[in-house]
């Protein structure tokens, strides 16, 4: 069973400011579930900081139609850390 962004957004936005690790983890789970990451992309992700990983995954999932632009803004706008 696939979870939609409506299922994931409350999971990471219940708290006032979710940490970058929570956002990155939720987005990574969604990306894996929908097979949107290649092995090469996954290997590259481990070299990045959590904020960059969250941003990359959110934009990738938006590009693939799994998140809306509003979802991306809500997820990344509430993370605790600098955005690129």
N, C-alpha and C. Protein backbone atom coordinates (compact mmCIF):
# COMPACT_ATOMS: atom_id res chain seq x y z
N UNK A 1 0.84 -1.18 0.00
CA UNK A 1 0.00 0.00 0.00
C UNK A 1 0.89 1.25 0.00
N UNK A 2 0.62 2.18 -0.89
CA UNK A 2 1.38 3.41 -0.98
C UNK A 2 0.71 4.51 -0.18
N UNK A 3 1.52 5.26 0.53
CA UNK A 3 1.01 6.40 1.28
C UNK A 3 1.16 7.63 0.42
N UNK A 4 0.15 8.48 0.43
CA UNK A 4 0.22 9.71 -0.34
C UNK A 4 0.86 10.79 0.50
N UNK A 5 1.11 11.94 -0.15
CA UNK A 5 1.71 13.05 0.59
C UNK A 5 0.80 13.51 1.72
N UNK A 6 -0.51 13.32 1.56
CA UNK A 6 -1.43 13.70 2.63
C UNK A 6 -1.17 12.89 3.90
N UNK A 7 -0.70 11.66 3.74
CA UNK A 7 -0.39 10.82 4.89
C UNK A 7 0.94 11.22 5.53
N UNK A 8 1.87 11.69 4.73
CA UNK A 8 3.21 12.00 5.23
C UNK A 8 3.30 13.40 5.81
N UNK A 9 2.62 14.36 5.22
CA UNK A 9 2.70 15.74 5.71
C UNK A 9 2.35 15.87 7.18
N UNK A 10 1.23 15.32 7.65
CA UNK A 10 0.95 15.46 9.10
C UNK A 10 2.01 14.79 9.97
N UNK A 11 2.61 13.74 9.47
CA UNK A 11 3.63 13.01 10.21
C UNK A 11 4.82 13.90 10.55
N UNK A 12 5.18 14.80 9.65
CA UNK A 12 6.35 15.64 9.89
C UNK A 12 6.01 17.07 10.23
N UNK A 13 4.74 17.45 10.14
CA UNK A 13 4.38 18.83 10.44
C UNK A 13 3.57 18.95 11.73
N UNK A 14 3.39 17.86 12.47
CA UNK A 14 2.66 17.91 13.74
C UNK A 14 3.38 18.82 14.72
N UNK A 15 4.70 18.74 14.75
CA UNK A 15 5.47 19.60 15.63
C UNK A 15 5.65 20.95 14.97
N UNK A 16 5.98 21.93 15.77
CA UNK A 16 6.10 23.28 15.24
C UNK A 16 7.21 23.38 14.20
N UNK A 17 8.39 22.86 14.50
CA UNK A 17 9.51 22.91 13.55
C UNK A 17 10.18 21.55 13.51
N UNK A 18 9.83 20.72 12.54
CA UNK A 18 10.48 19.41 12.47
C UNK A 18 11.95 19.57 12.11
N UNK A 19 12.74 18.67 12.60
CA UNK A 19 14.16 18.69 12.28
C UNK A 19 14.41 18.22 10.85
N UNK A 20 15.53 18.59 10.30
CA UNK A 20 15.87 18.19 8.94
C UNK A 20 15.92 16.67 8.83
N UNK A 21 16.31 15.99 9.90
CA UNK A 21 16.37 14.53 9.86
C UNK A 21 14.98 13.92 9.71
N UNK A 22 13.97 14.49 10.37
CA UNK A 22 12.61 13.99 10.24
C UNK A 22 12.08 14.19 8.83
N UNK A 23 12.32 15.36 8.27
CA UNK A 23 11.85 15.68 6.93
C UNK A 23 12.58 14.79 5.92
N UNK A 24 13.89 14.70 6.02
CA UNK A 24 14.67 13.87 5.09
C UNK A 24 14.24 12.41 5.16
N UNK A 25 14.00 11.92 6.36
CA UNK A 25 13.58 10.53 6.54
C UNK A 25 12.23 10.27 5.90
N UNK A 26 11.27 11.16 6.13
CA UNK A 26 9.93 10.99 5.55
C UNK A 26 9.99 11.05 4.02
N UNK A 27 10.78 11.99 3.49
CA UNK A 27 10.90 12.12 2.04
C UNK A 27 11.64 10.93 1.43
N UNK A 28 12.65 10.44 2.12
CA UNK A 28 13.38 9.28 1.64
C UNK A 28 12.47 8.05 1.60
N UNK A 29 11.67 7.87 2.64
CA UNK A 29 10.72 6.76 2.65
C UNK A 29 9.76 6.84 1.48
N UNK A 30 9.26 8.05 1.20
CA UNK A 30 8.34 8.25 0.07
C UNK A 30 9.05 7.96 -1.26
N UNK A 31 10.28 8.44 -1.39
CA UNK A 31 11.04 8.22 -2.63
C UNK A 31 11.31 6.74 -2.85
N UNK A 32 11.67 6.03 -1.79
CA UNK A 32 11.92 4.59 -1.90
C UNK A 32 10.65 3.84 -2.25
N UNK A 33 9.58 4.20 -1.58
CA UNK A 33 8.29 3.54 -1.81
C UNK A 33 7.85 3.66 -3.26
N UNK A 34 8.13 4.79 -3.87
CA UNK A 34 7.71 5.04 -5.25
C UNK A 34 8.84 4.82 -6.26
N UNK A 35 9.95 4.28 -5.79
CA UNK A 35 11.10 3.94 -6.63
C UNK A 35 11.52 5.12 -7.51
N UNK A 36 11.72 6.27 -6.87
CA UNK A 36 12.10 7.47 -7.61
C UNK A 36 13.59 7.75 -7.55
N UNK A 37 14.33 6.98 -6.79
CA UNK A 37 15.78 7.16 -6.69
C UNK A 37 16.51 6.02 -7.37
N UNK A 38 17.52 6.36 -8.15
CA UNK A 38 18.38 5.32 -8.70
C UNK A 38 19.41 4.95 -7.62
N UNK A 39 20.09 3.87 -7.83
CA UNK A 39 21.14 3.48 -6.88
C UNK A 39 22.25 4.53 -6.83
N UNK A 40 22.56 5.09 -7.98
CA UNK A 40 23.61 6.11 -8.03
C UNK A 40 23.19 7.35 -7.24
N UNK A 41 21.94 7.76 -7.38
CA UNK A 41 21.45 8.92 -6.63
C UNK A 41 21.49 8.64 -5.13
N UNK A 42 21.08 7.45 -4.75
CA UNK A 42 21.09 7.08 -3.33
C UNK A 42 22.51 7.09 -2.77
N UNK A 43 23.47 6.61 -3.54
CA UNK A 43 24.87 6.63 -3.09
C UNK A 43 25.37 8.06 -2.93
N UNK A 44 24.94 8.94 -3.81
CA UNK A 44 25.38 10.33 -3.74
C UNK A 44 24.77 11.04 -2.53
N UNK A 45 23.53 10.70 -2.18
CA UNK A 45 22.84 11.36 -1.07
C UNK A 45 23.60 11.24 0.25
N UNK A 46 24.23 10.11 0.47
CA UNK A 46 24.91 9.90 1.76
C UNK A 46 26.07 10.87 1.98
N UNK A 47 26.51 11.54 0.93
CA UNK A 47 27.60 12.49 1.04
C UNK A 47 27.12 13.89 1.45
N UNK A 48 25.82 14.10 1.42
CA UNK A 48 25.26 15.44 1.63
C UNK A 48 24.77 15.62 3.06
N UNK A 49 24.57 16.87 3.46
CA UNK A 49 23.97 17.16 4.77
C UNK A 49 22.46 16.94 4.68
N UNK A 50 21.82 16.81 5.83
CA UNK A 50 20.39 16.46 5.87
C UNK A 50 19.49 17.51 5.21
N UNK A 51 19.81 18.77 5.37
CA UNK A 51 18.98 19.82 4.75
C UNK A 51 19.03 19.70 3.24
N UNK A 52 20.22 19.48 2.69
CA UNK A 52 20.36 19.34 1.24
C UNK A 52 19.63 18.09 0.75
N UNK A 53 19.72 17.01 1.50
CA UNK A 53 19.01 15.78 1.14
C UNK A 53 17.51 16.03 1.11
N UNK A 54 16.98 16.69 2.13
CA UNK A 54 15.55 16.98 2.18
C UNK A 54 15.13 17.84 1.00
N UNK A 55 15.91 18.87 0.70
CA UNK A 55 15.58 19.75 -0.43
C UNK A 55 15.60 18.98 -1.75
N UNK A 56 16.63 18.19 -1.95
CA UNK A 56 16.75 17.42 -3.19
C UNK A 56 15.57 16.46 -3.35
N UNK A 57 15.28 15.71 -2.29
CA UNK A 57 14.19 14.74 -2.37
C UNK A 57 12.84 15.41 -2.58
N UNK A 58 12.61 16.52 -1.90
CA UNK A 58 11.34 17.22 -2.06
C UNK A 58 11.16 17.69 -3.50
N UNK A 59 12.21 18.26 -4.06
CA UNK A 59 12.12 18.73 -5.45
C UNK A 59 12.02 17.58 -6.44
N UNK A 60 12.71 16.48 -6.18
CA UNK A 60 12.60 15.30 -7.03
C UNK A 60 11.18 14.74 -7.00
N UNK A 61 10.62 14.63 -5.80
CA UNK A 61 9.27 14.10 -5.67
C UNK A 61 8.24 15.04 -6.29
N UNK A 62 8.48 16.33 -6.22
CA UNK A 62 7.59 17.28 -6.89
C UNK A 62 7.68 17.10 -8.41
N UNK A 63 8.89 16.96 -8.90
CA UNK A 63 9.11 16.77 -10.34
C UNK A 63 8.42 15.50 -10.84
N UNK A 64 8.39 14.48 -10.03
CA UNK A 64 7.77 13.20 -10.41
C UNK A 64 6.26 13.18 -10.16
N UNK A 65 5.72 14.29 -9.64
CA UNK A 65 4.28 14.39 -9.42
C UNK A 65 3.78 13.77 -8.14
N UNK A 66 4.68 13.45 -7.21
CA UNK A 66 4.28 12.83 -5.95
C UNK A 66 4.03 13.86 -4.86
N UNK A 67 4.53 15.06 -5.02
CA UNK A 67 4.29 16.16 -4.10
C UNK A 67 3.89 17.39 -4.91
N UNK A 68 3.06 18.21 -4.33
CA UNK A 68 2.72 19.49 -4.97
C UNK A 68 3.73 20.54 -4.54
N UNK A 69 3.73 21.66 -5.24
CA UNK A 69 4.61 22.77 -4.85
C UNK A 69 4.29 23.23 -3.44
N UNK A 70 3.01 23.23 -3.07
CA UNK A 70 2.62 23.62 -1.71
C UNK A 70 3.16 22.64 -0.68
N UNK A 71 3.13 21.33 -1.01
CA UNK A 71 3.70 20.33 -0.10
C UNK A 71 5.18 20.60 0.14
N UNK A 72 5.89 20.90 -0.94
CA UNK A 72 7.33 21.16 -0.84
C UNK A 72 7.59 22.37 0.04
N UNK A 73 6.85 23.45 -0.19
CA UNK A 73 7.03 24.65 0.62
C UNK A 73 6.72 24.39 2.09
N UNK A 74 5.66 23.63 2.33
CA UNK A 74 5.28 23.33 3.72
C UNK A 74 6.35 22.49 4.41
N UNK A 75 6.86 21.49 3.69
CA UNK A 75 7.87 20.62 4.29
C UNK A 75 9.19 21.35 4.51
N UNK A 76 9.66 22.05 3.51
CA UNK A 76 10.97 22.69 3.61
C UNK A 76 10.92 23.99 4.38
N UNK A 77 9.79 24.65 4.37
CA UNK A 77 9.68 25.91 5.10
C UNK A 77 9.68 25.73 6.59
N UNK A 78 9.34 24.52 7.05
CA UNK A 78 9.28 24.29 8.48
C UNK A 78 10.48 23.57 9.04
N UNK A 79 11.48 23.28 8.22
CA UNK A 79 12.62 22.54 8.74
C UNK A 79 13.50 23.44 9.58
N UNK A 80 14.14 22.83 10.52
CA UNK A 80 15.03 23.54 11.40
C UNK A 80 16.43 23.48 10.82
N UNK A 81 16.77 24.46 10.04
CA UNK A 81 18.08 24.49 9.39
C UNK A 81 18.02 25.36 8.16
N UNK A 82 19.16 25.77 7.65
CA UNK A 82 19.19 26.65 6.48
C UNK A 82 18.79 25.93 5.22
N UNK A 83 18.08 26.60 4.33
CA UNK A 83 17.74 26.05 3.03
C UNK A 83 18.64 26.68 1.98
N UNK A 84 18.90 25.95 0.94
CA UNK A 84 19.78 26.41 -0.13
C UNK A 84 19.02 27.21 -1.16
